[in-house]
């Protein structure tokens, strides 16, 4: 195996997957168990007026994102999926996670503006 840019980027993507899975599951734990809503639907540094209303949705996004990321990382480490499959799974999970969180924050803040 030669050490070129694609190998380095693949390792960085794998490390990103591990870090993101840990972050997702930590945030889900914080929301569900500790009932800390400080990071629920934050947009431009501001929380919505009722973060406890949006907490179940945020916890679900974090749980699903963490589970999918753990699955993709395990498939990569155990050799269960080819290179193109696990890299696309990690990338798709990352972008879907970020998109879902931004849509949740946007929805929560728009609901606050209406009331």
PDB file of N, CA and C in Angstrom:
ATOM      1  N   UNK A   1       0.849  -1.172   0.000  1.00  0.00           N
ATOM      2  CA  UNK A   1       0.000   0.000   0.000  1.00  0.00           C
ATOM      3  C   UNK A   1       0.896   1.237   0.000  1.00  0.00           C
ATOM      4  N   UNK A   2       0.647   2.097  -0.952  1.00  0.00           N
ATOM      5  CA  UNK A   2       1.393   3.343  -1.021  1.00  0.00           C
ATOM      6  C   UNK A   2       0.663   4.424  -0.248  1.00  0.00           C
ATOM      7  N   UNK A   3       1.447   5.292   0.348  1.00  0.00           N
ATOM      8  CA  UNK A   3       0.869   6.383   1.108  1.00  0.00           C
ATOM      9  C   UNK A   3       0.718   7.591   0.200  1.00  0.00           C
ATOM     10  N   UNK A   4      -0.482   7.758  -0.353  1.00  0.00           N
ATOM     11  CA  UNK A   4      -0.752   8.912  -1.201  1.00  0.00           C
ATOM     12  C   UNK A   4      -1.958   9.666  -0.651  1.00  0.00           C
ATOM     13  N   UNK A   5      -2.386  10.648  -1.368  1.00  0.00           N
ATOM     14  CA  UNK A   5      -3.450  11.526  -0.868  1.00  0.00           C
ATOM     15  C   UNK A   5      -4.754  10.781  -0.621  1.00  0.00           C
ATOM     16  N   UNK A   6      -5.109   9.830  -1.461  1.00  0.00           N
ATOM     17  CA  UNK A   6      -6.382   9.122  -1.281  1.00  0.00           C
ATOM     18  C   UNK A   6      -6.371   8.256  -0.027  1.00  0.00           C
ATOM     19  N   UNK A   7      -5.236   7.668   0.310  1.00  0.00           N
ATOM     20  CA  UNK A   7      -5.150   6.856   1.525  1.00  0.00           C
ATOM     21  C   UNK A   7      -5.251   7.748   2.760  1.00  0.00           C
ATOM     22  N   UNK A   8      -4.567   8.885   2.717  1.00  0.00           N
ATOM     23  CA  UNK A   8      -4.624   9.810   3.846  1.00  0.00           C
ATOM     24  C   UNK A   8      -6.040  10.339   4.032  1.00  0.00           C
ATOM     25  N   UNK A   9      -6.709  10.691   2.948  1.00  0.00           N
ATOM     26  CA  UNK A   9      -8.084  11.183   3.048  1.00  0.00           C
ATOM     27  C   UNK A   9      -9.044  10.105   3.543  1.00  0.00           C
ATOM     28  N   UNK A  10      -8.810   8.858   3.151  1.00  0.00           N
ATOM     29  CA  UNK A  10      -9.655   7.767   3.629  1.00  0.00           C
ATOM     30  C   UNK A  10      -9.493   7.586   5.138  1.00  0.00           C
ATOM     31  N   UNK A  11      -8.262   7.650   5.628  1.00  0.00           N
ATOM     32  CA  UNK A  11      -8.035   7.535   7.066  1.00  0.00           C
ATOM     33  C   UNK A  11      -8.649   8.715   7.816  1.00  0.00           C
ATOM     34  N   UNK A  12      -8.535   9.915   7.261  1.00  0.00           N
ATOM     35  CA  UNK A  12      -9.150  11.076   7.893  1.00  0.00           C
ATOM     36  C   UNK A  12     -10.668  10.949   7.934  1.00  0.00           C
ATOM     37  N   UNK A  13     -11.246  10.413   6.868  1.00  0.00           N
ATOM     38  CA  UNK A  13     -12.690  10.202   6.846  1.00  0.00           C
ATOM     39  C   UNK A  13     -13.103   9.171   7.882  1.00  0.00           C
ATOM     40  N   UNK A  14     -12.308   8.136   8.044  1.00  0.00           N
ATOM     41  CA  UNK A  14     -12.603   7.123   9.050  1.00  0.00           C
ATOM     42  C   UNK A  14     -12.500   7.707  10.457  1.00  0.00           C
ATOM     43  N   UNK A  15     -11.482   8.503  10.711  1.00  0.00           N
ATOM     44  CA  UNK A  15     -11.347   9.154  12.013  1.00  0.00           C
ATOM     45  C   UNK A  15     -12.482  10.151  12.254  1.00  0.00           C
ATOM     46  N   UNK A  16     -12.897  10.860  11.208  1.00  0.00           N
ATOM     47  CA  UNK A  16     -14.036  11.761  11.316  1.00  0.00           C
ATOM     48  C   UNK A  16     -15.295  10.984  11.686  1.00  0.00           C
ATOM     49  N   UNK A  17     -15.450   9.807  11.100  1.00  0.00           N
ATOM     50  CA  UNK A  17     -16.614   8.980  11.422  1.00  0.00           C
ATOM     51  C   UNK A  17     -16.634   8.556  12.879  1.00  0.00           C
ATOM     52  N   UNK A  18     -15.481   8.184  13.408  1.00  0.00           N
ATOM     53  CA  UNK A  18     -15.402   7.792  14.815  1.00  0.00           C
ATOM     54  C   UNK A  18     -15.716   8.988  15.710  1.00  0.00           C
ATOM     55  N   UNK A  19     -15.124  10.135  15.400  1.00  0.00           N
ATOM     56  CA  UNK A  19     -15.352  11.333  16.214  1.00  0.00           C
ATOM     57  C   UNK A  19     -16.809  11.783  16.145  1.00  0.00           C
ATOM     58  N   UNK A  20     -17.404  11.748  14.967  1.00  0.00           N
ATOM     59  CA  UNK A  20     -18.793  12.163  14.835  1.00  0.00           C
ATOM     60  C   UNK A  20     -19.732  11.203  15.551  1.00  0.00           C
ATOM     61  N   UNK A  21     -19.460   9.912  15.494  1.00  0.00           N
ATOM     62  CA  UNK A  21     -20.291   8.947  16.215  1.00  0.00           C
ATOM     63  C   UNK A  21     -20.236   9.206  17.711  1.00  0.00           C
ATOM     64  N   UNK A  22     -19.054   9.473  18.229  1.00  0.00           N
ATOM     65  CA  UNK A  22     -18.919   9.761  19.658  1.00  0.00           C
ATOM     66  C   UNK A  22     -19.657  11.046  20.022  1.00  0.00           C
ATOM     67  N   UNK A  23     -19.530  12.065  19.194  1.00  0.00           N
ATOM     68  CA  UNK A  23     -20.209  13.335  19.450  1.00  0.00           C
ATOM     69  C   UNK A  23     -21.727  13.177  19.415  1.00  0.00           C
ATOM     70  N   UNK A  24     -22.225  12.458  18.427  1.00  0.00           N
ATOM     71  CA  UNK A  24     -23.675  12.250  18.312  1.00  0.00           C
ATOM     72  C   UNK A  24     -24.227  11.528  19.534  1.00  0.00           C
ATOM     73  N   UNK A  25     -23.571  10.457  19.925  1.00  0.00           N
ATOM     74  CA  UNK A  25     -24.075   9.679  21.047  1.00  0.00           C
ATOM     75  C   UNK A  25     -23.927  10.431  22.365  1.00  0.00           C
ATOM     76  N   UNK A  26     -22.886  11.243  22.507  1.00  0.00           N
ATOM     77  CA  UNK A  26     -22.725  12.065  23.707  1.00  0.00           C
ATOM     78  C   UNK A  26     -23.834  13.105  23.804  1.00  0.00           C
ATOM     79  N   UNK A  27     -24.153  13.741  22.686  1.00  0.00           N
ATOM     80  CA  UNK A  27     -25.233  14.737  22.702  1.00  0.00           C
ATOM     81  C   UNK A  27     -26.584  14.090  22.966  1.00  0.00           C
ATOM     82  N   UNK A  28     -26.819  12.914  22.405  1.00  0.00           N
ATOM     83  CA  UNK A  28     -28.076  12.207  22.683  1.00  0.00           C
ATOM     84  C   UNK A  28     -28.168  11.853  24.162  1.00  0.00           C
ATOM     85  N   UNK A  29     -27.083  11.395  24.750  1.00  0.00           N
ATOM     86  CA  UNK A  29     -27.038  11.079  26.178  1.00  0.00           C
ATOM     87  C   UNK A  29     -27.330  12.333  27.009  1.00  0.00           C
ATOM     88  N   UNK A  30     -26.736  13.451  26.616  1.00  0.00           N
ATOM     89  CA  UNK A  30     -26.932  14.699  27.346  1.00  0.00           C
ATOM     90  C   UNK A  30     -28.397  15.136  27.298  1.00  0.00           C
ATOM     91  N   UNK A  31     -29.022  14.975  26.157  1.00  0.00           N
ATOM     92  CA  UNK A  31     -30.417  15.395  26.020  1.00  0.00           C
ATOM     93  C   UNK A  31     -31.362  14.434  26.732  1.00  0.00           C
ATOM     94  N   UNK A  32     -31.163  13.135  26.544  1.00  0.00           N
ATOM     95  CA  UNK A  32     -32.110  12.145  27.062  1.00  0.00           C
ATOM     96  C   UNK A  32     -31.935  11.918  28.560  1.00  0.00           C
ATOM     97  N   UNK A  33     -30.715  11.659  28.994  1.00  0.00           N
ATOM     98  CA  UNK A  33     -30.490  11.258  30.381  1.00  0.00           C
ATOM     99  C   UNK A  33     -30.323  12.457  31.304  1.00  0.00           C
ATOM    100  N   UNK A  34     -29.482  13.390  30.909  1.00  0.00           N
ATOM    101  CA  UNK A  34     -29.197  14.529  31.788  1.00  0.00           C
ATOM    102  C   UNK A  34     -30.215  15.658  31.659  1.00  0.00           C
ATOM    103  N   UNK A  35     -31.075  15.586  30.676  1.00  0.00           N
ATOM    104  CA  UNK A  35     -32.089  16.609  30.411  1.00  0.00           C
ATOM    105  C   UNK A  35     -31.490  18.007  30.290  1.00  0.00           C
ATOM    106  N   UNK A  36     -30.366  18.072  29.610  1.00  0.00           N
ATOM    107  CA  UNK A  36     -29.694  19.337  29.348  1.00  0.00           C
ATOM    108  C   UNK A  36     -30.034  19.755  27.926  1.00  0.00           C
ATOM    109  N   UNK A  37     -30.779  20.826  27.783  1.00  0.00           N
ATOM    110  CA  UNK A  37     -31.246  21.260  26.479  1.00  0.00           C
ATOM    111  C   UNK A  37     -30.467  22.454  25.943  1.00  0.00           C
ATOM    112  N   UNK A  38     -29.253  22.635  26.403  1.00  0.00           N
ATOM    113  CA  UNK A  38     -28.456  23.798  26.021  1.00  0.00           C
ATOM    114  C   UNK A  38     -28.086  23.795  24.544  1.00  0.00           C
ATOM    115  N   UNK A  39     -27.975  22.633  23.930  1.00  0.00           N
ATOM    116  CA  UNK A  39     -27.553  22.559  22.539  1.00  0.00           C
ATOM    117  C   UNK A  39     -28.663  22.073  21.609  1.00  0.00           C
ATOM    118  N   UNK A  40     -29.903  22.228  22.017  1.00  0.00           N
ATOM    119  CA  UNK A  40     -31.030  21.787  21.206  1.00  0.00           C
ATOM    120  C   UNK A  40     -31.459  22.912  20.284  1.00  0.00           C
ATOM    121  N   UNK A  41     -31.429  22.662  18.991  1.00  0.00           N
ATOM    122  CA  UNK A  41     -31.922  23.589  17.961  1.00  0.00           C
ATOM    123  C   UNK A  41     -31.274  24.965  18.049  1.00  0.00           C
ATOM    124  N   UNK A  42     -29.973  25.001  18.284  1.00  0.00           N
ATOM    125  CA  UNK A  42     -29.257  26.273  18.361  1.00  0.00           C
ATOM    126  C   UNK A  42     -29.047  26.807  16.947  1.00  0.00           C
ATOM    127  N   UNK A  43     -29.396  28.076  16.776  1.00  0.00           N
ATOM    128  CA  UNK A  43     -29.220  28.723  15.479  1.00  0.00           C
ATOM    129  C   UNK A  43     -28.622  30.105  15.708  1.00  0.00           C
ATOM    130  N   UNK A  44     -27.489  30.337  15.103  1.00  0.00           N
ATOM    131  CA  UNK A  44     -26.755  31.602  15.265  1.00  0.00           C
ATOM    132  C   UNK A  44     -26.477  31.916  16.730  1.00  0.00           C
ATOM    133  N   UNK A  45     -26.181  30.874  17.490  1.00  0.00           N
ATOM    134  CA  UNK A  45     -25.822  31.048  18.889  1.00  0.00           C
ATOM    135  C   UNK A  45     -26.984  31.215  19.841  1.00  0.00           C
ATOM    136  N   UNK A  46     -28.216  31.150  19.349  1.00  0.00           N
ATOM    137  CA  UNK A  46     -29.388  31.343  20.193  1.00  0.00           C
ATOM    138  C   UNK A  46     -30.240  30.084  20.226  1.00  0.00           C
ATOM    139  N   UNK A  47     -30.742  29.787  21.411  1.00  0.00           N
ATOM    140  CA  UNK A  47     -31.656  28.662  21.570  1.00  0.00           C
ATOM    141  C   UNK A  47     -33.080  29.113  21.297  1.00  0.00           C
ATOM    142  N   UNK A  48     -33.967  28.181  20.962  1.00  0.00           N
ATOM    143  CA  UNK A  48     -35.384  28.557  20.842  1.00  0.00           C
ATOM    144  C   UNK A  48     -35.975  28.815  22.231  1.00  0.00           C
ATOM    145  N   UNK A  49     -37.149  29.401  22.258  1.00  0.00           N
ATOM    146  CA  UNK A  49     -37.775  29.730  23.548  1.00  0.00           C
ATOM    147  C   UNK A  49     -38.133  28.490  24.351  1.00  0.00           C
ATOM    148  N   UNK A  50     -38.546  27.429  23.664  1.00  0.00           N
ATOM    149  CA  UNK A  50     -38.939  26.185  24.334  1.00  0.00           C
ATOM    150  C   UNK A  50     -38.069  25.032  23.822  1.00  0.00           C
ATOM    151  N   UNK A  51     -36.839  24.917  24.293  1.00  0.00           N
ATOM    152  CA  UNK A  51     -35.987  23.845  23.776  1.00  0.00           C
ATOM    153  C   UNK A  51     -36.468  22.452  24.169  1.00  0.00           C
ATOM    154  N   UNK A  52     -37.200  22.345  25.279  1.00  0.00           N
ATOM    155  CA  UNK A  52     -37.697  21.020  25.677  1.00  0.00           C
ATOM    156  C   UNK A  52     -38.728  20.488  24.689  1.00  0.00           C
ATOM    157  N   UNK A  53     -39.386  21.361  23.959  1.00  0.00           N
ATOM    158  CA  UNK A  53     -40.343  20.943  22.932  1.00  0.00           C
ATOM    159  C   UNK A  53     -39.636  20.251  21.776  1.00  0.00           C
ATOM    160  N   UNK A  54     -38.430  20.710  21.452  1.00  0.00           N
ATOM    161  CA  UNK A  54     -37.695  20.187  20.311  1.00  0.00           C
ATOM    162  C   UNK A  54     -36.663  19.131  20.697  1.00  0.00           C
ATOM    163  N   UNK A  55     -36.526  18.874  21.992  1.00  0.00           N
ATOM    164  CA  UNK A  55     -35.521  17.920  22.469  1.00  0.00           C
ATOM    165  C   UNK A  55     -35.718  16.492  21.948  1.00  0.00           C
ATOM    166  N   UNK A  56     -36.931  15.956  21.887  1.00  0.00           N
ATOM    167  CA  UNK A  56     -37.065  14.589  21.362  1.00  0.00           C
ATOM    168  C   UNK A  56     -36.618  14.462  19.905  1.00  0.00           C
ATOM    169  N   UNK A  57     -36.882  15.492  19.112  1.00  0.00           N
ATOM    170  CA  UNK A  57     -36.455  15.451  17.714  1.00  0.00           C
ATOM    171  C   UNK A  57     -34.932  15.512  17.606  1.00  0.00           C
ATOM    172  N   UNK A  58     -34.332  16.378  18.407  1.00  0.00           N
ATOM    173  CA  UNK A  58     -32.872  16.496  18.395  1.00  0.00           C
ATOM    174  C   UNK A  58     -32.231  15.203  18.885  1.00  0.00           C
ATOM    175  N   UNK A  59     -32.782  14.604  19.926  1.00  0.00           N
ATOM    176  CA  UNK A  59     -32.237  13.339  20.433  1.00  0.00           C
ATOM    177  C   UNK A  59     -32.354  12.237  19.382  1.00  0.00           C
ATOM    178  N   UNK A  60     -33.463  12.206  18.669  1.00  0.00           N
ATOM    179  CA  UNK A  60     -33.620  11.218  17.607  1.00  0.00           C
ATOM    180  C   UNK A  60     -32.619  11.405  16.482  1.00  0.00           C
ATOM    181  N   UNK A  61     -32.396  12.648  16.102  1.00  0.00           N
ATOM    182  CA  UNK A  61     -31.409  12.924  15.051  1.00  0.00           C
ATOM    183  C   UNK A  61     -30.031  12.473  15.497  1.00  0.00           C
ATOM    184  N   UNK A  62     -29.671  12.775  16.745  1.00  0.00           N
ATOM    185  CA  UNK A  62     -28.362  12.382  17.253  1.00  0.00           C
ATOM    186  C   UNK A  62     -28.224  10.865  17.360  1.00  0.00           C
ATOM    187  N   UNK A  63     -29.267  10.185  17.821  1.00  0.00           N
ATOM    188  CA  UNK A  63     -29.210   8.725  17.941  1.00  0.00           C
ATOM    189  C   UNK A  63     -29.087   8.045  16.586  1.00  0.00           C
ATOM    190  N   UNK A  64     -29.893   8.478  15.638  1.00  0.00           N
ATOM    191  CA  UNK A  64     -29.842   7.869  14.305  1.00  0.00           C
ATOM    192  C   UNK A  64     -28.497   8.156  13.628  1.00  0.00           C
ATOM    193  N   UNK A  65     -28.040   9.405  13.735  1.00  0.00           N
ATOM    194  CA  UNK A  65     -26.747   9.751  13.150  1.00  0.00           C
ATOM    195  C   UNK A  65     -25.606   8.961  13.761  1.00  0.00           C
ATOM    196  N   UNK A  66     -25.616   8.826  15.089  1.00  0.00           N
ATOM    197  CA  UNK A  66     -24.574   8.052  15.764  1.00  0.00           C
ATOM    198  C   UNK A  66     -24.610   6.582  15.396  1.00  0.00           C
ATOM    199  N   UNK A  67     -25.797   6.016  15.333  1.00  0.00           N
ATOM    200  CA  UNK A  67     -25.920   4.595  14.988  1.00  0.00           C
ATOM    201  C   UNK A  67     -25.465   4.326  13.555  1.00  0.00           C
ATOM    202  N   UNK A  68     -25.879   5.183  12.626  1.00  0.00           N
ATOM    203  CA  UNK A  68     -25.451   4.996  11.239  1.00  0.00           C
ATOM    204  C   UNK A  68     -23.943   5.165  11.078  1.00  0.00           C
ATOM    205  N   UNK A  69     -23.389   6.122  11.820  1.00  0.00           N
ATOM    206  CA  UNK A  69     -21.957   6.345  11.724  1.00  0.00           C
ATOM    207  C   UNK A  69     -21.184   5.181  12.329  1.00  0.00           C
ATOM    208  N   UNK A  70     -21.638   4.646  13.440  1.00  0.00           N
ATOM    209  CA  UNK A  70     -20.985   3.477  14.030  1.00  0.00           C
ATOM    210  C   UNK A  70     -21.059   2.296  13.076  1.00  0.00           C
ATOM    211  N   UNK A  71     -22.199   2.105  12.437  1.00  0.00           N
ATOM    212  CA  UNK A  71     -22.327   1.016  11.470  1.00  0.00           C
ATOM    213  C   UNK A  71     -21.382   1.159  10.301  1.00  0.00           C
ATOM    214  N   UNK A  72     -21.255   2.353   9.775  1.00  0.00           N
ATOM    215  CA  UNK A  72     -20.351   2.574   8.645  1.00  0.00           C
ATOM    216  C   UNK A  72     -18.898   2.377   9.047  1.00  0.00           C
ATOM    217  N   UNK A  73     -18.533   2.862  10.230  1.00  0.00           N
ATOM    218  CA  UNK A  73     -17.147   2.704  10.695  1.00  0.00           C
ATOM    219  C   UNK A  73     -16.832   1.237  10.956  1.00  0.00           C
ATOM    220  N   UNK A  74     -17.760   0.514  11.571  1.00  0.00           N
ATOM    221  CA  UNK A  74     -17.522  -0.911  11.818  1.00  0.00           C
ATOM    222  C   UNK A  74     -17.417  -1.704  10.520  1.00  0.00           C
ATOM    223  N   UNK A  75     -18.248  -1.364   9.549  1.00  0.00           N
ATOM    224  CA  UNK A  75     -18.144  -2.035   8.241  1.00  0.00           C
ATOM    225  C   UNK A  75     -16.794  -1.769   7.602  1.00  0.00           C
ATOM    226  N   UNK A  76     -16.278  -0.570   7.776  1.00  0.00           N
ATOM    227  CA  UNK A  76     -14.965  -0.235   7.211  1.00  0.00           C
ATOM    228  C   UNK A  76     -13.857  -0.979   7.940  1.00  0.00           C
ATOM    229  N   UNK A  77     -13.911  -0.989   9.263  1.00  0.00           N
ATOM    230  CA  UNK A  77     -12.838  -1.621  10.034  1.00  0.00           C
ATOM    231  C   UNK A  77     -12.832  -3.138   9.915  1.00  0.00           C
ATOM    232  N   UNK A  78     -14.005  -3.736   9.801  1.00  0.00           N
ATOM    233  CA  UNK A  78     -14.094  -5.190   9.692  1.00  0.00           C
ATOM    234  C   UNK A  78     -13.989  -5.684   8.250  1.00  0.00           C
ATOM    235  N   UNK A  79     -13.943  -4.774   7.322  1.00  0.00           N
ATOM    236  CA  UNK A  79     -13.814  -5.161   5.918  1.00  0.00           C
ATOM    237  C   UNK A  79     -15.081  -5.718   5.324  1.00  0.00           C
ATOM    238  N   UNK A  80     -16.223  -5.354   5.867  1.00  0.00           N
ATOM    239  CA  UNK A  80     -17.501  -5.875   5.384  1.00  0.00           C
ATOM    240  C   UNK A  80     -18.024  -5.129   4.166  1.00  0.00           C
ATOM    241  N   UNK A  81     -17.484  -3.948   3.923  1.00  0.00           N
ATOM    242  CA  UNK A  81     -17.956  -3.139   2.804  1.00  0.00           C
ATOM    243  C   UNK A  81     -16.753  -2.675   1.989  1.00  0.00           C
ATOM    244  N   UNK A  82     -16.908  -2.595   0.684  1.00  0.00           N
ATOM    245  CA  UNK A  82     -15.812  -2.068  -0.133  1.00  0.00           C
ATOM    246  C   UNK A  82     -15.590  -0.580   0.135  1.00  0.00           C
ATOM    247  N   UNK A  83     -14.464  -0.091  -0.327  1.00  0.00           N
ATOM    248  CA  UNK A  83     -14.042   1.276  -0.068  1.00  0.00           C
ATOM    249  C   UNK A  83     -15.099   2.292  -0.474  1.00  0.00           C
ATOM    250  N   UNK A  84     -15.615   2.179  -1.669  1.00  0.00           N
ATOM    251  CA  UNK A  84     -16.607   3.141  -2.154  1.00  0.00           C
ATOM    252  C   UNK A  84     -17.876   3.146  -1.336  1.00  0.00           C
ATOM    253  N   UNK A  85     -18.256   2.001  -0.798  1.00  0.00           N
ATOM    254  CA  UNK A  85     -19.487   1.898  -0.027  1.00  0.00           C
ATOM    255  C   UNK A  85     -19.357   2.581   1.330  1.00  0.00           C
ATOM    256  N   UNK A  86     -18.300   2.258   2.075  1.00  0.00           N
ATOM    257  CA  UNK A  86     -18.197   2.838   3.416  1.00  0.00           C
ATOM    258  C   UNK A  86     -17.851   4.319   3.381  1.00  0.00           C
ATOM    259  N   UNK A  87     -17.089   4.755   2.383  1.00  0.00           N
ATOM    260  CA  UNK A  87     -16.802   6.187   2.304  1.00  0.00           C
ATOM    261  C   UNK A  87     -18.067   6.966   1.950  1.00  0.00           C
ATOM    262  N   UNK A  88     -18.855   6.438   1.047  1.00  0.00           N
ATOM    263  CA  UNK A  88     -20.100   7.131   0.709  1.00  0.00           C
ATOM    264  C   UNK A  88     -21.096   7.067   1.865  1.00  0.00           C
ATOM    265  N   UNK A  89     -21.103   5.993   2.637  1.00  0.00           N
ATOM    266  CA  UNK A  89     -22.000   5.899   3.793  1.00  0.00           C
ATOM    267  C   UNK A  89     -21.625   6.921   4.859  1.00  0.00           C
ATOM    268  N   UNK A  90     -20.338   7.078   5.114  1.00  0.00           N
ATOM    269  CA  UNK A  90     -19.899   8.073   6.092  1.00  0.00           C
ATOM    270  C   UNK A  90     -20.212   9.482   5.595  1.00  0.00           C
ATOM    271  N   UNK A  91     -19.927   9.757   4.346  1.00  0.00           N
ATOM    272  CA  UNK A  91     -20.200  11.079   3.801  1.00  0.00           C
ATOM    273  C   UNK A  91     -21.680  11.408   3.780  1.00  0.00           C
ATOM    274  N   UNK A  92     -22.495  10.464   3.358  1.00  0.00           N
ATOM    275  CA  UNK A  92     -23.939  10.689   3.319  1.00  0.00           C
ATOM    276  C   UNK A  92     -24.507  10.881   4.723  1.00  0.00           C
ATOM    277  N   UNK A  93     -24.035  10.090   5.669  1.00  0.00           N
ATOM    278  CA  UNK A  93     -24.500  10.237   7.048  1.00  0.00           C
ATOM    279  C   UNK A  93     -24.112  11.595   7.614  1.00  0.00           C
ATOM    280  N   UNK A  94     -22.901  12.026   7.338  1.00  0.00           N
ATOM    281  CA  UNK A  94     -22.447  13.333   7.810  1.00  0.00           C
ATOM    282  C   UNK A  94     -23.331  14.451   7.271  1.00  0.00           C
ATOM    283  N   UNK A  95     -23.554  14.465   5.972  1.00  0.00           N
ATOM    284  CA  UNK A  95     -24.347  15.537   5.377  1.00  0.00           C
ATOM    285  C   UNK A  95     -25.816  15.467   5.779  1.00  0.00           C
ATOM    286  N   UNK A  96     -26.369  14.272   5.890  1.00  0.00           N
ATOM    287  CA  UNK A  96     -27.761  14.133   6.321  1.00  0.00           C
ATOM    288  C   UNK A  96     -27.928  14.584   7.775  1.00  0.00           C
ATOM    289  N   UNK A  97     -26.956  14.269   8.611  1.00  0.00           N
ATOM    290  CA  UNK A  97     -26.978  14.685  10.012  1.00  0.00           C
ATOM    291  C   UNK A  97     -26.948  16.207  10.121  1.00  0.00           C
ATOM    292  N   UNK A  98     -26.035  16.823   9.410  1.00  0.00           N
ATOM    293  CA  UNK A  98     -25.928  18.284   9.453  1.00  0.00           C
ATOM    294  C   UNK A  98     -27.183  18.954   8.879  1.00  0.00           C
ATOM    295  N   UNK A  99     -27.714  18.405   7.795  1.00  0.00           N
ATOM    296  CA  UNK A  99     -28.927  18.949   7.194  1.00  0.00           C
ATOM    297  C   UNK A  99     -30.117  18.819   8.147  1.00  0.00           C
ATOM    298  N   UNK A 100     -30.255  17.666   8.787  1.00  0.00           N
ATOM    299  CA  UNK A 100     -31.377  17.462   9.709  1.00  0.00           C
ATOM    300  C   UNK A 100     -31.290  18.409  10.904  1.00  0.00           C
ATOM    301  N   UNK A 101     -30.089  18.603  11.440  1.00  0.00           N
ATOM    302  CA  UNK A 101     -29.945  19.528  12.567  1.00  0.00           C
ATOM    303  C   UNK A 101     -30.251  20.964  12.159  1.00  0.00           C
ATOM    304  N   UNK A 102     -29.808  21.354  10.973  1.00  0.00           N
ATOM    305  CA  UNK A 102     -30.086  22.724  10.540  1.00  0.00           C
ATOM    306  C   UNK A 102     -31.575  22.921  10.266  1.00  0.00           C
ATOM    307  N   UNK A 103     -32.235  21.926   9.721  1.00  0.00           N
ATOM    308  CA  UNK A 103     -33.676  22.031   9.487  1.00  0.00           C
ATOM    309  C   UNK A 103     -34.449  22.070  10.805  1.00  0.00           C
ATOM    310  N   UNK A 104     -34.001  21.315  11.795  1.00  0.00           N
ATOM    311  CA  UNK A 104     -34.644  21.354  13.102  1.00  0.00           C
ATOM    312  C   UNK A 104     -34.500  22.737  13.733  1.00  0.00           C
ATOM    313  N   UNK A 105     -33.305  23.299  13.673  1.00  0.00           N
ATOM    314  CA  UNK A 105     -33.085  24.632  14.244  1.00  0.00           C
ATOM    315  C   UNK A 105     -33.910  25.678  13.507  1.00  0.00           C
ATOM    316  N   UNK A 106     -33.970  25.569  12.205  1.00  0.00           N
ATOM    317  CA  UNK A 106     -34.755  26.530  11.422  1.00  0.00           C
ATOM    318  C   UNK A 106     -36.238  26.423  11.763  1.00  0.00           C
ATOM    319  N   UNK A 107     -36.748  25.218  11.861  1.00  0.00           N
ATOM    320  CA  UNK A 107     -38.150  25.015  12.192  1.00  0.00           C
ATOM    321  C   UNK A 107     -38.470  25.530  13.591  1.00  0.00           C
ATOM    322  N   UNK A 108     -37.590  25.256  14.539  1.00  0.00           N
ATOM    323  CA  UNK A 108     -37.828  25.689  15.918  1.00  0.00           C
ATOM    324  C   UNK A 108     -37.837  27.210  16.025  1.00  0.00           C
ATOM    325  N   UNK A 109     -36.927  27.852  15.343  1.00  0.00           N
ATOM    326  CA  UNK A 109     -36.878  29.316  15.428  1.00  0.00           C
ATOM    327  C   UNK A 109     -38.011  29.981  14.651  1.00  0.00           C
ATOM    328  N   UNK A 110     -38.442  29.361  13.575  1.00  0.00           N
ATOM    329  CA  UNK A 110     -39.606  29.910  12.861  1.00  0.00           C
ATOM    330  C   UNK A 110     -40.873  29.753  13.674  1.00  0.00           C
ATOM    331  N   UNK A 111     -40.999  28.649  14.396  1.00  0.00           N
ATOM    332  CA  UNK A 111     -42.167  28.452  15.254  1.00  0.00           C
ATOM    333  C   UNK A 111     -42.171  29.481  16.380  1.00  0.00           C
ATOM    334  N   UNK A 112     -40.981  29.847  16.867  1.00  0.00           N
ATOM    335  CA  UNK A 112     -40.904  30.876  17.908  1.00  0.00           C
ATOM    336  C   UNK A 112     -41.323  32.242  17.376  1.00  0.00           C
ATOM    337  N   UNK A 113     -41.011  32.520  16.144  1.00  0.00           N
ATOM    338  CA  UNK A 113     -41.367  33.820  15.571  1.00  0.00           C
ATOM    339  C   UNK A 113     -42.865  33.965  15.367  1.00  0.00           C
ATOM    340  N   UNK A 114     -43.538  32.864  15.097  1.00  0.00           N
ATOM    341  CA  UNK A 114     -44.983  32.905  14.876  1.00  0.00           C
ATOM    342  C   UNK A 114     -45.754  33.126  16.166  1.00  0.00           C
ATOM    343  N   UNK A 115     -45.200  32.652  17.270  1.00  0.00           N
ATOM    344  CA  UNK A 115     -45.940  32.769  18.546  1.00  0.00           C
ATOM    345  C   UNK A 115     -45.553  33.990  19.322  1.00  0.00           C
TER     346      UNK A 115
END
